[in-house]
Amino acid sequence: MIKFNHFNFNVLDLDKSLKFYNDALGLTPVREKVADDGSFKLVYLGDGISDFTLELTYLTDRKEPYNLGECEFHLAFHVDEFDELHKKHDEMGIICFENPGMGIYFISDPDGYWIEIVPAG
């Protein structure tokens, strides 16, 4: 059996990212790992529904932003309250792309990662 476990984003400012993911998507830490030498910290975020987690990797010595290339990848979420969440994300100023024809939109996190918002059903 093969089953999804987690997906990773490397982040430059862990506190800012934790706030973003909680405020924008309601994700909260479910476990953490700190390197014995303090060089990195991993924080796994959960949605409280599924077993899938988003791993935020914070390298303590990293100062420059990550190069995401052309950002041709993304993480996607199904949401029940699509219109309400769209309004919230619009007010937060984090919508980076909308495709009304497909009925979806994307938000961008503090490091520039794109997250697709898809209506349930």
PDB file of N, CA and C in Angstrom:
ATOM      1  N   MET A   1       0.846  -1.184   0.000  1.00  0.00           N
ATOM      2  CA  MET A   1       0.000   0.000   0.000  1.00  0.00           C
ATOM      3  C   MET A   1       0.886   1.239   0.000  1.00  0.00           C
ATOM      4  N   ILE A   2       0.522   2.203  -0.808  1.00  0.00           N
ATOM      5  CA  ILE A   2       1.193   3.500  -0.839  1.00  0.00           C
ATOM      6  C   ILE A   2       0.145   4.553  -0.511  1.00  0.00           C
ATOM      7  N   LYS A   3       0.476   5.442   0.407  1.00  0.00           N
ATOM      8  CA  LYS A   3      -0.475   6.451   0.869  1.00  0.00           C
ATOM      9  C   LYS A   3       0.253   7.780   1.019  1.00  0.00           C
ATOM     10  N   PHE A   4      -0.367   8.885   0.579  1.00  0.00           N
ATOM     11  CA  PHE A   4       0.221  10.205   0.766  1.00  0.00           C
ATOM     12  C   PHE A   4       0.464  10.469   2.247  1.00  0.00           C
ATOM     13  N   ASN A   5       1.574  11.151   2.549  1.00  0.00           N
ATOM     14  CA  ASN A   5       1.905  11.478   3.927  1.00  0.00           C
ATOM     15  C   ASN A   5       1.953  12.986   4.137  1.00  0.00           C
ATOM     16  N   HIS A   6       2.845  13.673   3.404  1.00  0.00           N
ATOM     17  CA  HIS A   6       2.948  15.119   3.565  1.00  0.00           C
ATOM     18  C   HIS A   6       3.554  15.749   2.329  1.00  0.00           C
ATOM     19  N   PHE A   7       3.482  17.067   2.273  1.00  0.00           N
ATOM     20  CA  PHE A   7       4.092  17.870   1.225  1.00  0.00           C
ATOM     21  C   PHE A   7       4.908  18.935   1.930  1.00  0.00           C
ATOM     22  N   ASN A   8       6.006  19.379   1.316  1.00  0.00           N
ATOM     23  CA  ASN A   8       6.914  20.317   1.968  1.00  0.00           C
ATOM     24  C   ASN A   8       7.008  21.650   1.250  1.00  0.00           C
ATOM     25  N   PHE A   9       7.038  22.722   2.029  1.00  0.00           N
ATOM     26  CA  PHE A   9       7.421  24.061   1.575  1.00  0.00           C
ATOM     27  C   PHE A   9       8.537  24.532   2.491  1.00  0.00           C
ATOM     28  N   ASN A  10       9.629  25.029   1.922  1.00  0.00           N
ATOM     29  CA  ASN A  10      10.675  25.669   2.712  1.00  0.00           C
ATOM     30  C   ASN A  10      10.286  27.127   2.904  1.00  0.00           C
ATOM     31  N   VAL A  11      10.396  27.619   4.136  1.00  0.00           N
ATOM     32  CA  VAL A  11       9.943  28.979   4.441  1.00  0.00           C
ATOM     33  C   VAL A  11      11.072  29.806   5.040  1.00  0.00           C
ATOM     34  N   LEU A  12      11.023  31.102   4.772  1.00  0.00           N
ATOM     35  CA  LEU A  12      12.064  32.011   5.240  1.00  0.00           C
ATOM     36  C   LEU A  12      11.769  32.556   6.625  1.00  0.00           C
ATOM     37  N   ASP A  13      10.492  32.767   6.935  1.00  0.00           N
ATOM     38  CA  ASP A  13      10.083  33.317   8.230  1.00  0.00           C
ATOM     39  C   ASP A  13       8.993  32.396   8.785  1.00  0.00           C
ATOM     40  N   LEU A  14       9.370  31.508   9.689  1.00  0.00           N
ATOM     41  CA  LEU A  14       8.446  30.495  10.193  1.00  0.00           C
ATOM     42  C   LEU A  14       7.227  31.105  10.874  1.00  0.00           C
ATOM     43  N   ASP A  15       7.422  32.102  11.718  1.00  0.00           N
ATOM     44  CA  ASP A  15       6.292  32.711  12.421  1.00  0.00           C
ATOM     45  C   ASP A  15       5.299  33.334  11.447  1.00  0.00           C
ATOM     46  N   LYS A  16       5.810  34.028  10.447  1.00  0.00           N
ATOM     47  CA  LYS A  16       4.952  34.656   9.439  1.00  0.00           C
ATOM     48  C   LYS A  16       4.169  33.588   8.663  1.00  0.00           C
ATOM     49  N   SER A  17       4.845  32.492   8.331  1.00  0.00           N
ATOM     50  CA  SER A  17       4.182  31.410   7.595  1.00  0.00           C
ATOM     51  C   SER A  17       3.130  30.712   8.448  1.00  0.00           C
ATOM     52  N   LEU A  18       3.447  30.451   9.708  1.00  0.00           N
ATOM     53  CA  LEU A  18       2.470  29.819  10.598  1.00  0.00           C
ATOM     54  C   LEU A  18       1.222  30.678  10.728  1.00  0.00           C
ATOM     55  N   LYS A  19       1.395  31.985  10.869  1.00  0.00           N
ATOM     56  CA  LYS A  19       0.257  32.907  10.961  1.00  0.00           C
ATOM     57  C   LYS A  19      -0.555  32.884   9.666  1.00  0.00           C
ATOM     58  N   PHE A  20       0.138  32.940   8.526  1.00  0.00           N
ATOM     59  CA  PHE A  20      -0.543  32.916   7.234  1.00  0.00           C
ATOM     60  C   PHE A  20      -1.405  31.662   7.092  1.00  0.00           C
ATOM     61  N   TYR A  21      -0.820  30.492   7.319  1.00  0.00           N
ATOM     62  CA  TYR A  21      -1.551  29.247   7.105  1.00  0.00           C
ATOM     63  C   TYR A  21      -2.707  29.079   8.089  1.00  0.00           C
ATOM     64  N   ASN A  22      -2.557  29.605   9.287  1.00  0.00           N
ATOM     65  CA  ASN A  22      -3.665  29.558  10.235  1.00  0.00           C
ATOM     66  C   ASN A  22      -4.753  30.547   9.837  1.00  0.00           C
ATOM     67  N   ASP A  23      -4.380  31.781   9.549  1.00  0.00           N
ATOM     68  CA  ASP A  23      -5.360  32.804   9.205  1.00  0.00           C
ATOM     69  C   ASP A  23      -6.069  32.519   7.883  1.00  0.00           C
ATOM     70  N   ALA A  24      -5.323  32.098   6.871  1.00  0.00           N
ATOM     71  CA  ALA A  24      -5.888  31.914   5.534  1.00  0.00           C
ATOM     72  C   ALA A  24      -6.621  30.595   5.359  1.00  0.00           C
ATOM     73  N   LEU A  25      -6.124  29.527   6.009  1.00  0.00           N
ATOM     74  CA  LEU A  25      -6.673  28.199   5.747  1.00  0.00           C
ATOM     75  C   LEU A  25      -7.042  27.404   6.990  1.00  0.00           C
ATOM     76  N   GLY A  26      -6.801  27.958   8.166  1.00  0.00           N
ATOM     77  CA  GLY A  26      -7.150  27.263   9.400  1.00  0.00           C
ATOM     78  C   GLY A  26      -6.254  26.073   9.710  1.00  0.00           C
ATOM     79  N   LEU A  27      -5.063  26.027   9.108  1.00  0.00           N
ATOM     80  CA  LEU A  27      -4.133  24.925   9.375  1.00  0.00           C
ATOM     81  C   LEU A  27      -3.388  25.193  10.673  1.00  0.00           C
ATOM     82  N   THR A  28      -3.201  24.146  11.456  1.00  0.00           N
ATOM     83  CA  THR A  28      -2.527  24.287  12.747  1.00  0.00           C
ATOM     84  C   THR A  28      -1.442  23.220  12.895  1.00  0.00           C
ATOM     85  N   PRO A  29      -0.411  23.510  13.689  1.00  0.00           N
ATOM     86  CA  PRO A  29       0.657  22.530  13.895  1.00  0.00           C
ATOM     87  C   PRO A  29       0.135  21.251  14.548  1.00  0.00           C
ATOM     88  N   VAL A  30       0.576  20.108  14.007  1.00  0.00           N
ATOM     89  CA  VAL A  30       0.220  18.820  14.587  1.00  0.00           C
ATOM     90  C   VAL A  30       1.449  18.101  15.139  1.00  0.00           C
ATOM     91  N   ARG A  31       2.635  18.467  14.672  1.00  0.00           N
ATOM     92  CA  ARG A  31       3.879  17.975  15.262  1.00  0.00           C
ATOM     93  C   ARG A  31       5.044  18.820  14.778  1.00  0.00           C
ATOM     94  N   GLU A  32       6.143  18.744  15.511  1.00  0.00           N
ATOM     95  CA  GLU A  32       7.336  19.527  15.201  1.00  0.00           C
ATOM     96  C   GLU A  32       8.584  18.671  15.406  1.00  0.00           C
ATOM     97  N   LYS A  33       9.632  19.051  14.715  1.00  0.00           N
ATOM     98  CA  LYS A  33      10.941  18.426  14.903  1.00  0.00           C
ATOM     99  C   LYS A  33      11.977  19.534  14.823  1.00  0.00           C
ATOM    100  N   VAL A  34      12.852  19.595  15.819  1.00  0.00           N
ATOM    101  CA  VAL A  34      13.931  20.570  15.837  1.00  0.00           C
ATOM    102  C   VAL A  34      15.252  19.814  15.766  1.00  0.00           C
ATOM    103  N   ALA A  35      16.141  20.259  14.888  1.00  0.00           N
ATOM    104  CA  ALA A  35      17.448  19.616  14.761  1.00  0.00           C
ATOM    105  C   ALA A  35      18.215  19.750  16.061  1.00  0.00           C
ATOM    106  N   ASP A  36      18.957  18.713  16.424  1.00  0.00           N
ATOM    107  CA  ASP A  36      19.762  18.746  17.649  1.00  0.00           C
ATOM    108  C   ASP A  36      20.715  19.931  17.669  1.00  0.00           C
ATOM    109  N   ASP A  37      21.233  20.306  16.503  1.00  0.00           N
ATOM    110  CA  ASP A  37      22.176  21.430  16.431  1.00  0.00           C
ATOM    111  C   ASP A  37      21.475  22.770  16.193  1.00  0.00           C
ATOM    112  N   GLY A  38      20.136  22.766  16.135  1.00  0.00           N
ATOM    113  CA  GLY A  38      19.379  24.001  15.946  1.00  0.00           C
ATOM    114  C   GLY A  38      19.399  24.549  14.530  1.00  0.00           C
ATOM    115  N   SER A  39      19.881  23.781  13.576  1.00  0.00           N
ATOM    116  CA  SER A  39      20.013  24.281  12.204  1.00  0.00           C
ATOM    117  C   SER A  39      18.702  24.322  11.426  1.00  0.00           C
ATOM    118  N   PHE A  40      17.719  23.581  11.869  1.00  0.00           N
ATOM    119  CA  PHE A  40      16.426  23.616  11.184  1.00  0.00           C
ATOM    120  C   PHE A  40      15.313  23.244  12.148  1.00  0.00           C
ATOM    121  N   LYS A  41      14.109  23.617  11.729  1.00  0.00           N
ATOM    122  CA  LYS A  41      12.902  23.243  12.462  1.00  0.00           C
ATOM    123  C   LYS A  41      11.858  22.850  11.427  1.00  0.00           C
ATOM    124  N   LEU A  42      11.200  21.728  11.665  1.00  0.00           N
ATOM    125  CA  LEU A  42      10.110  21.262  10.818  1.00  0.00           C
ATOM    126  C   LEU A  42       8.815  21.407  11.604  1.00  0.00           C
ATOM    127  N   VAL A  43       7.816  21.992  10.988  1.00  0.00           N
ATOM    128  CA  VAL A  43       6.495  22.091  11.602  1.00  0.00           C
ATOM    129  C   VAL A  43       5.496  21.516  10.604  1.00  0.00           C
ATOM    130  N   TYR A  44       4.759  20.510  11.049  1.00  0.00           N
ATOM    131  CA  TYR A  44       3.754  19.865  10.215  1.00  0.00           C
ATOM    132  C   TYR A  44       2.392  20.453  10.548  1.00  0.00           C
ATOM    133  N   LEU A  45       1.707  20.941   9.511  1.00  0.00           N
ATOM    134  CA  LEU A  45       0.389  21.551   9.688  1.00  0.00           C
ATOM    135  C   LEU A  45      -0.694  20.594   9.222  1.00  0.00           C
ATOM    136  N   GLY A  46      -1.783  20.535   9.980  1.00  0.00           N
ATOM    137  CA  GLY A  46      -2.907  19.691   9.624  1.00  0.00           C
ATOM    138  C   GLY A  46      -4.185  20.486   9.493  1.00  0.00           C
ATOM    139  N   ASP A  47      -5.150  19.880   8.796  1.00  0.00           N
ATOM    140  CA  ASP A  47      -6.445  20.527   8.602  1.00  0.00           C
ATOM    141  C   ASP A  47      -7.483  20.065   9.623  1.00  0.00           C
ATOM    142  N   GLY A  48      -7.116  19.108  10.477  1.00  0.00           N
ATOM    143  CA  GLY A  48      -8.052  18.610  11.476  1.00  0.00           C
ATOM    144  C   GLY A  48      -9.055  17.610  10.922  1.00  0.00           C
ATOM    145  N   ILE A  49      -8.956  17.295   9.628  1.00  0.00           N
ATOM    146  CA  ILE A  49      -9.902  16.383   8.990  1.00  0.00           C
ATOM    147  C   ILE A  49      -9.178  15.166   8.410  1.00  0.00           C
ATOM    148  N   SER A  50      -8.155  15.428   7.610  1.00  0.00           N
ATOM    149  CA  SER A  50      -7.425  14.352   6.947  1.00  0.00           C
ATOM    150  C   SER A  50      -6.104  14.080   7.670  1.00  0.00           C
ATOM    151  N   ASP A  51      -5.424  13.013   7.249  1.00  0.00           N
ATOM    152  CA  ASP A  51      -4.109  12.683   7.800  1.00  0.00           C
ATOM    153  C   ASP A  51      -2.991  13.420   7.076  1.00  0.00           C
ATOM    154  N   PHE A  52      -3.286  14.016   5.933  1.00  0.00           N
ATOM    155  CA  PHE A  52      -2.284  14.704   5.118  1.00  0.00           C
ATOM    156  C   PHE A  52      -1.781  15.949   5.855  1.00  0.00           C
ATOM    157  N   THR A  53      -0.468  16.195   5.785  1.00  0.00           N
ATOM    158  CA  THR A  53       0.095  17.381   6.428  1.00  0.00           C
ATOM    159  C   THR A  53       0.950  18.171   5.461  1.00  0.00           C
ATOM    160  N   LEU A  54       1.057  19.458   5.746  1.00  0.00           N
ATOM    161  CA  LEU A  54       1.968  20.352   5.046  1.00  0.00           C
ATOM    162  C   LEU A  54       3.162  20.575   5.965  1.00  0.00           C
ATOM    163  N   GLU A  55       4.325  20.183   5.519  1.00  0.00           N
ATOM    164  CA  GLU A  55       5.547  20.366   6.305  1.00  0.00           C
ATOM    165  C   GLU A  55       6.178  21.703   5.931  1.00  0.00           C
ATOM    166  N   LEU A  56       6.342  22.559   6.923  1.00  0.00           N
ATOM    167  CA  LEU A  56       7.080  23.803   6.725  1.00  0.00           C
ATOM    168  C   LEU A  56       8.486  23.565   7.253  1.00  0.00           C
ATOM    169  N   THR A  57       9.482  23.750   6.401  1.00  0.00           N
ATOM    170  CA  THR A  57      10.879  23.585   6.788  1.00  0.00           C
ATOM    171  C   THR A  57      11.508  24.958   6.933  1.00  0.00           C
ATOM    172  N   TYR A  58      12.023  25.225   8.114  1.00  0.00           N
ATOM    173  CA  TYR A  58      12.682  26.492   8.407  1.00  0.00           C
ATOM    174  C   TYR A  58      14.155  26.220   8.687  1.00  0.00           C
ATOM    175  N   LEU A  59      15.023  26.719   7.802  1.00  0.00           N
ATOM    176  CA  LEU A  59      16.469  26.605   7.991  1.00  0.00           C
ATOM    177  C   LEU A  59      16.931  27.871   8.703  1.00  0.00           C
ATOM    178  N   THR A  60      17.436  27.733   9.903  1.00  0.00           N
ATOM    179  CA  THR A  60      17.707  28.884  10.766  1.00  0.00           C
ATOM    180  C   THR A  60      18.742  29.854  10.203  1.00  0.00           C
ATOM    181  N   ASP A  61      19.673  29.379   9.388  1.00  0.00           N
ATOM    182  CA  ASP A  61      20.706  30.262   8.833  1.00  0.00           C
ATOM    183  C   ASP A  61      20.327  30.872   7.489  1.00  0.00           C
ATOM    184  N   ARG A  62      19.217  30.486   6.930  1.00  0.00           N
ATOM    185  CA  ARG A  62      18.813  30.977   5.590  1.00  0.00           C
ATOM    186  C   ARG A  62      18.380  32.430   5.676  1.00  0.00           C
ATOM    187  N   LYS A  63      18.921  33.261   4.805  1.00  0.00           N
ATOM    188  CA  LYS A  63      18.581  34.689   4.794  1.00  0.00           C
ATOM    189  C   LYS A  63      17.924  35.127   3.485  1.00  0.00           C
ATOM    190  N   GLU A  64      18.251  34.458   2.372  1.00  0.00           N
ATOM    191  CA  GLU A  64      17.723  34.889   1.081  1.00  0.00           C
ATOM    192  C   GLU A  64      16.469  34.090   0.709  1.00  0.00           C
ATOM    193  N   PRO A  65      15.545  34.723   0.001  1.00  0.00           N
ATOM    194  CA  PRO A  65      14.318  34.031  -0.412  1.00  0.00           C
ATOM    195  C   PRO A  65      14.634  32.820  -1.301  1.00  0.00           C
ATOM    196  N   TYR A  66      13.744  31.858  -1.292  1.00  0.00           N
ATOM    197  CA  TYR A  66      13.899  30.669  -2.119  1.00  0.00           C
ATOM    198  C   TYR A  66      13.546  30.988  -3.564  1.00  0.00           C
ATOM    199  N   ASN A  67      14.273  30.385  -4.494  1.00  0.00           N
ATOM    200  CA  ASN A  67      13.987  30.535  -5.912  1.00  0.00           C
ATOM    201  C   ASN A  67      12.956  29.474  -6.278  1.00  0.00           C
ATOM    202  N   LEU A  68      11.747  29.890  -6.583  1.00  0.00           N
ATOM    203  CA  LEU A  68      10.664  28.957  -6.891  1.00  0.00           C
ATOM    204  C   LEU A  68      10.524  28.710  -8.385  1.00  0.00           C
ATOM    205  N   GLY A  69      11.489  29.184  -9.161  1.00  0.00           N
ATOM    206  CA  GLY A  69      11.409  28.998 -10.609  1.00  0.00           C
ATOM    207  C   GLY A  69      10.185  29.693 -11.165  1.00  0.00           C
ATOM    208  N   GLU A  70       9.490  29.028 -12.019  1.00  0.00           N
ATOM    209  CA  GLU A  70       8.289  29.604 -12.625  1.00  0.00           C
ATOM    210  C   GLU A  70       7.038  29.249 -11.839  1.00  0.00           C
ATOM    211  N   CYS A  71       7.216  28.659 -10.675  1.00  0.00           N
ATOM    212  CA  CYS A  71       6.109  28.316  -9.782  1.00  0.00           C
ATOM    213  C   CYS A  71       5.058  27.451 -10.490  1.00  0.00           C
ATOM    214  N   GLU A  72       5.539  26.487 -11.264  1.00  0.00           N
ATOM    215  CA  GLU A  72       4.635  25.601 -11.992  1.00  0.00           C
ATOM    216  C   GLU A  72       4.239  24.397 -11.150  1.00  0.00           C
ATOM    217  N   PHE A  73       4.003  24.637  -9.886  1.00  0.00           N
ATOM    218  CA  PHE A  73       3.525  23.606  -8.981  1.00  0.00           C
ATOM    219  C   PHE A  73       2.637  24.303  -7.961  1.00  0.00           C
ATOM    220  N   HIS A  74       1.788  23.555  -7.304  1.00  0.00           N
ATOM    221  CA  HIS A  74       0.924  24.160  -6.293  1.00  0.00           C
ATOM    222  C   HIS A  74       0.320  23.065  -5.420  1.00  0.00           C
ATOM    223  N   LEU A  75      -0.202  23.493  -4.307  1.00  0.00           N
ATOM    224  CA  LEU A  75      -0.948  22.652  -3.384  1.00  0.00           C
ATOM    225  C   LEU A  75      -2.406  23.068  -3.536  1.00  0.00           C
ATOM    226  N   ALA A  76      -3.340  22.130  -3.485  1.00  0.00           N
ATOM    227  CA  ALA A  76      -4.750  22.462  -3.681  1.00  0.00           C
ATOM    228  C   ALA A  76      -5.601  22.005  -2.505  1.00  0.00           C
ATOM    229  N   PHE A  77      -6.641  22.782  -2.220  1.00  0.00           N
ATOM    230  CA  PHE A  77      -7.596  22.475  -1.166  1.00  0.00           C
ATOM    231  C   PHE A  77      -9.015  22.516  -1.731  1.00  0.00           C
ATOM    232  N   HIS A  78      -9.833  21.504  -1.374  1.00  0.00           N
ATOM    233  CA  HIS A  78     -11.279  21.566  -1.607  1.00  0.00           C
ATOM    234  C   HIS A  78     -11.874  22.335  -0.435  1.00  0.00           C
ATOM    235  N   VAL A  79     -12.786  23.235  -0.724  1.00  0.00           N
ATOM    236  CA  VAL A  79     -13.410  24.007   0.357  1.00  0.00           C
ATOM    237  C   VAL A  79     -14.926  24.011   0.199  1.00  0.00           C
ATOM    238  N   ASP A  80     -15.629  23.905   1.329  1.00  0.00           N
ATOM    239  CA  ASP A  80     -17.091  23.941   1.314  1.00  0.00           C
ATOM    240  C   ASP A  80     -17.632  25.358   1.145  1.00  0.00           C
ATOM    241  N   GLU A  81     -17.040  26.294   1.830  1.00  0.00           N
ATOM    242  CA  GLU A  81     -17.529  27.676   1.831  1.00  0.00           C
ATOM    243  C   GLU A  81     -16.706  28.524   0.864  1.00  0.00           C
ATOM    244  N   PHE A  82     -16.760  28.180  -0.418  1.00  0.00           N
ATOM    245  CA  PHE A  82     -15.923  28.806  -1.437  1.00  0.00           C
ATOM    246  C   PHE A  82     -16.101  30.323  -1.491  1.00  0.00           C
ATOM    247  N   ASP A  83     -17.337  30.807  -1.595  1.00  0.00           N
ATOM    248  CA  ASP A  83     -17.578  32.245  -1.741  1.00  0.00           C
ATOM    249  C   ASP A  83     -17.111  33.025  -0.514  1.00  0.00           C
ATOM    250  N   GLU A  84     -17.363  32.485   0.668  1.00  0.00           N
ATOM    251  CA  GLU A  84     -16.938  33.159   1.893  1.00  0.00           C
ATOM    252  C   GLU A  84     -15.415  33.198   2.000  1.00  0.00           C
ATOM    253  N   LEU A  85     -14.767  32.088   1.627  1.00  0.00           N
ATOM    254  CA  LEU A  85     -13.309  32.044   1.690  1.00  0.00           C
ATOM    255  C   LEU A  85     -12.698  32.968   0.640  1.00  0.00           C
ATOM    256  N   HIS A  86     -13.302  33.023  -0.543  1.00  0.00           N
ATOM    257  CA  HIS A  86     -12.821  33.933  -1.583  1.00  0.00           C
ATOM    258  C   HIS A  86     -12.870  35.376  -1.084  1.00  0.00           C
ATOM    259  N   LYS A  87     -13.964  35.743  -0.443  1.00  0.00           N
ATOM    260  CA  LYS A  87     -14.100  37.095   0.101  1.00  0.00           C
ATOM    261  C   LYS A  87     -13.015  37.353   1.149  1.00  0.00           C
ATOM    262  N   LYS A  88     -12.795  36.401   2.036  1.00  0.00           N
ATOM    263  CA  LYS A  88     -11.777  36.540   3.071  1.00  0.00           C
ATOM    264  C   LYS A  88     -10.396  36.702   2.445  1.00  0.00           C
ATOM    265  N   HIS A  89     -10.067  35.850   1.477  1.00  0.00           N
ATOM    266  CA  HIS A  89      -8.755  35.916   0.833  1.00  0.00           C
ATOM    267  C   HIS A  89      -8.588  37.212   0.044  1.00  0.00           C
ATOM    268  N   ASP A  90      -9.664  37.687  -0.559  1.00  0.00           N
ATOM    269  CA  ASP A  90      -9.619  38.967  -1.269  1.00  0.00           C
ATOM    270  C   ASP A  90      -9.325  40.097  -0.282  1.00  0.00           C
ATOM    271  N   GLU A  91      -9.998  40.087   0.857  1.00  0.00           N
ATOM    272  CA  GLU A  91      -9.763  41.113   1.885  1.00  0.00           C
ATOM    273  C   GLU A  91      -8.344  41.027   2.449  1.00  0.00           C
ATOM    274  N   MET A  92      -7.775  39.823   2.508  1.00  0.00           N
ATOM    275  CA  MET A  92      -6.400  39.642   2.979  1.00  0.00           C
ATOM    276  C   MET A  92      -5.381  40.070   1.919  1.00  0.00           C
ATOM    277  N   GLY A  93      -5.838  40.234   0.675  1.00  0.00           N
ATOM    278  CA  GLY A  93      -4.956  40.642  -0.413  1.00  0.00           C
ATOM    279  C   GLY A  93      -3.997  39.551  -0.861  1.00  0.00           C
ATOM    280  N   ILE A  94      -4.426  38.285  -0.755  1.00  0.00           N
ATOM    281  CA  ILE A  94      -3.516  37.185  -1.065  1.00  0.00           C
ATOM    282  C   ILE A  94      -3.906  36.412  -2.322  1.00  0.00           C
ATOM    283  N   ILE A  95      -4.958  36.828  -3.020  1.00  0.00           N
ATOM    284  CA  ILE A  95      -5.325  36.163  -4.271  1.00  0.00           C
ATOM    285  C   ILE A  95      -4.336  36.611  -5.345  1.00  0.00           C
ATOM    286  N   CYS A  96      -3.683  35.622  -5.980  1.00  0.00           N
ATOM    287  CA  CYS A  96      -2.683  35.957  -6.991  1.00  0.00           C
ATOM    288  C   CYS A  96      -3.140  35.618  -8.404  1.00  0.00           C
ATOM    289  N   PHE A  97      -4.161  34.774  -8.536  1.00  0.00           N
ATOM    290  CA  PHE A  97      -4.675  34.417  -9.857  1.00  0.00           C
ATOM    291  C   PHE A  97      -6.066  33.834  -9.705  1.00  0.00           C
ATOM    292  N   GLU A  98      -6.947  34.222 -10.633  1.00  0.00           N
ATOM    293  CA  GLU A  98      -8.299  33.677 -10.644  1.00  0.00           C
ATOM    294  C   GLU A  98      -8.612  33.132 -12.021  1.00  0.00           C
ATOM    295  N   ASN A  99      -9.336  32.026 -12.063  1.00  0.00           N
ATOM    296  CA  ASN A  99      -9.821  31.457 -13.304  1.00  0.00           C
ATOM    297  C   ASN A  99     -11.323  31.219 -13.139  1.00  0.00           C
ATOM    298  N   PRO A 100     -12.125  32.280 -13.374  1.00  0.00           N
ATOM    299  CA  PRO A 100     -13.578  32.155 -13.188  1.00  0.00           C
ATOM    300  C   PRO A 100     -14.203  31.077 -14.075  1.00  0.00           C
ATOM    301  N   GLY A 101     -13.643  30.855 -15.265  1.00  0.00           N
ATOM    302  CA  GLY A 101     -14.172  29.837 -16.160  1.00  0.00           C
ATOM    303  C   GLY A 101     -14.086  28.437 -15.565  1.00  0.00           C
ATOM    304  N   MET A 102     -13.044  28.197 -14.786  1.00  0.00           N
ATOM    305  CA  MET A 102     -12.884  26.904 -14.122  1.00  0.00           C
ATOM    306  C   MET A 102     -13.451  26.931 -12.712  1.00  0.00           C
ATOM    307  N   GLY A 103     -13.802  28.121 -12.218  1.00  0.00           N
ATOM    308  CA  GLY A 103     -14.380  28.242 -10.878  1.00  0.00           C
ATOM    309  C   GLY A 103     -13.367  28.065  -9.767  1.00  0.00           C
ATOM    310  N   ILE A 104     -12.108  28.440 -10.018  1.00  0.00           N
ATOM    311  CA  ILE A 104     -11.043  28.293  -9.031  1.00  0.00           C
ATOM    312  C   ILE A 104     -10.259  29.594  -8.893  1.00  0.00           C
ATOM    313  N   TYR A 105      -9.462  29.673  -7.845  1.00  0.00           N
ATOM    314  CA  TYR A 105      -8.505  30.765  -7.709  1.00  0.00           C
ATOM    315  C   TYR A 105      -7.311  30.277  -6.912  1.00  0.00           C
ATOM    316  N   PHE A 106      -6.259  31.084  -6.930  1.00  0.00           N
ATOM    317  CA  PHE A 106      -5.035  30.751  -6.216  1.00  0.00           C
ATOM    318  C   PHE A 106      -4.687  31.863  -5.247  1.00  0.00           C
ATOM    319  N   ILE A 107      -4.134  31.475  -4.100  1.00  0.00           N
ATOM    320  CA  ILE A 107      -3.567  32.442  -3.164  1.00  0.00           C
ATOM    321  C   ILE A 107      -2.061  32.189  -3.113  1.00  0.00           C
ATOM    322  N   SER A 108      -1.325  33.191  -2.667  1.00  0.00           N
ATOM    323  CA  SER A 108       0.122  33.076  -2.570  1.00  0.00           C
ATOM    324  C   SER A 108       0.542  33.272  -1.125  1.00  0.00           C
ATOM    325  N   ASP A 109       1.394  32.365  -0.634  1.00  0.00           N
ATOM    326  CA  ASP A 109       1.849  32.460   0.752  1.00  0.00           C
ATOM    327  C   ASP A 109       3.018  33.449   0.852  1.00  0.00           C
ATOM    328  N   PRO A 110       3.534  33.716   2.050  1.00  0.00           N
ATOM    329  CA  PRO A 110       4.605  34.708   2.213  1.00  0.00           C
ATOM    330  C   PRO A 110       5.889  34.412   1.427  1.00  0.00           C
ATOM    331  N   ASP A 111       6.103  33.146   1.058  1.00  0.00           N
ATOM    332  CA  ASP A 111       7.303  32.796   0.289  1.00  0.00           C
ATOM    333  C   ASP A 111       7.032  32.678  -1.207  1.00  0.00           C
ATOM    334  N   GLY A 112       5.790  32.930  -1.616  1.00  0.00           N
ATOM    335  CA  GLY A 112       5.452  32.889  -3.037  1.00  0.00           C
ATOM    336  C   GLY A 112       4.904  31.574  -3.539  1.00  0.00           C
ATOM    337  N   TYR A 113       4.687  30.601  -2.640  1.00  0.00           N
ATOM    338  CA  TYR A 113       4.074  29.342  -3.061  1.00  0.00           C
ATOM    339  C   TYR A 113       2.600  29.581  -3.383  1.00  0.00           C
ATOM    340  N   TRP A 114       2.122  28.954  -4.459  1.00  0.00           N
ATOM    341  CA  TRP A 114       0.726  29.095  -4.858  1.00  0.00           C
ATOM    342  C   TRP A 114      -0.100  27.963  -4.263  1.00  0.00           C
ATOM    343  N   ILE A 115      -1.319  28.321  -3.825  1.00  0.00           N
ATOM    344  CA  ILE A 115      -2.253  27.364  -3.250  1.00  0.00           C
ATOM    345  C   ILE A 115      -3.580  27.533  -3.993  1.00  0.00           C
ATOM    346  N   GLU A 116      -4.051  26.441  -4.582  1.00  0.00           N
ATOM    347  CA  GLU A 116      -5.289  26.473  -5.341  1.00  0.00           C
ATOM    348  C   GLU A 116      -6.473  26.228  -4.419  1.00  0.00           C
ATOM    349  N   ILE A 117      -7.509  27.023  -4.625  1.00  0.00           N
ATOM    350  CA  ILE A 117      -8.748  26.876  -3.870  1.00  0.00           C
ATOM    351  C   ILE A 117      -9.830  26.396  -4.841  1.00  0.00           C
ATOM    352  N   VAL A 118     -10.371  25.209  -4.544  1.00  0.00           N
ATOM    353  CA  VAL A 118     -11.329  24.538  -5.421  1.00  0.00           C
ATOM    354  C   VAL A 118     -12.625  24.341  -4.642  1.00  0.00           C
ATOM    355  N   PRO A 119     -13.775  24.718  -5.231  1.00  0.00           N
ATOM    356  CA  PRO A 119     -15.030  24.460  -4.524  1.00  0.00           C
ATOM    357  C   PRO A 119     -15.297  22.959  -4.417  1.00  0.00           C
ATOM    358  N   ALA A 120     -15.792  22.544  -3.261  1.00  0.00           N
ATOM    359  CA  ALA A 120     -16.146  21.131  -3.069  1.00  0.00           C
ATOM    360  C   ALA A 120     -17.253  20.745  -4.038  1.00  0.00           C
ATOM    361  N   GLY A 121     -17.196  19.520  -4.498  1.00  0.00           N
ATOM    362  CA  GLY A 121     -18.238  19.031  -5.388  1.00  0.00           C
ATOM    363  C   GLY A 121     -17.932  19.369  -6.761  1.00  0.00           C
TER     364      GLY A 121
END
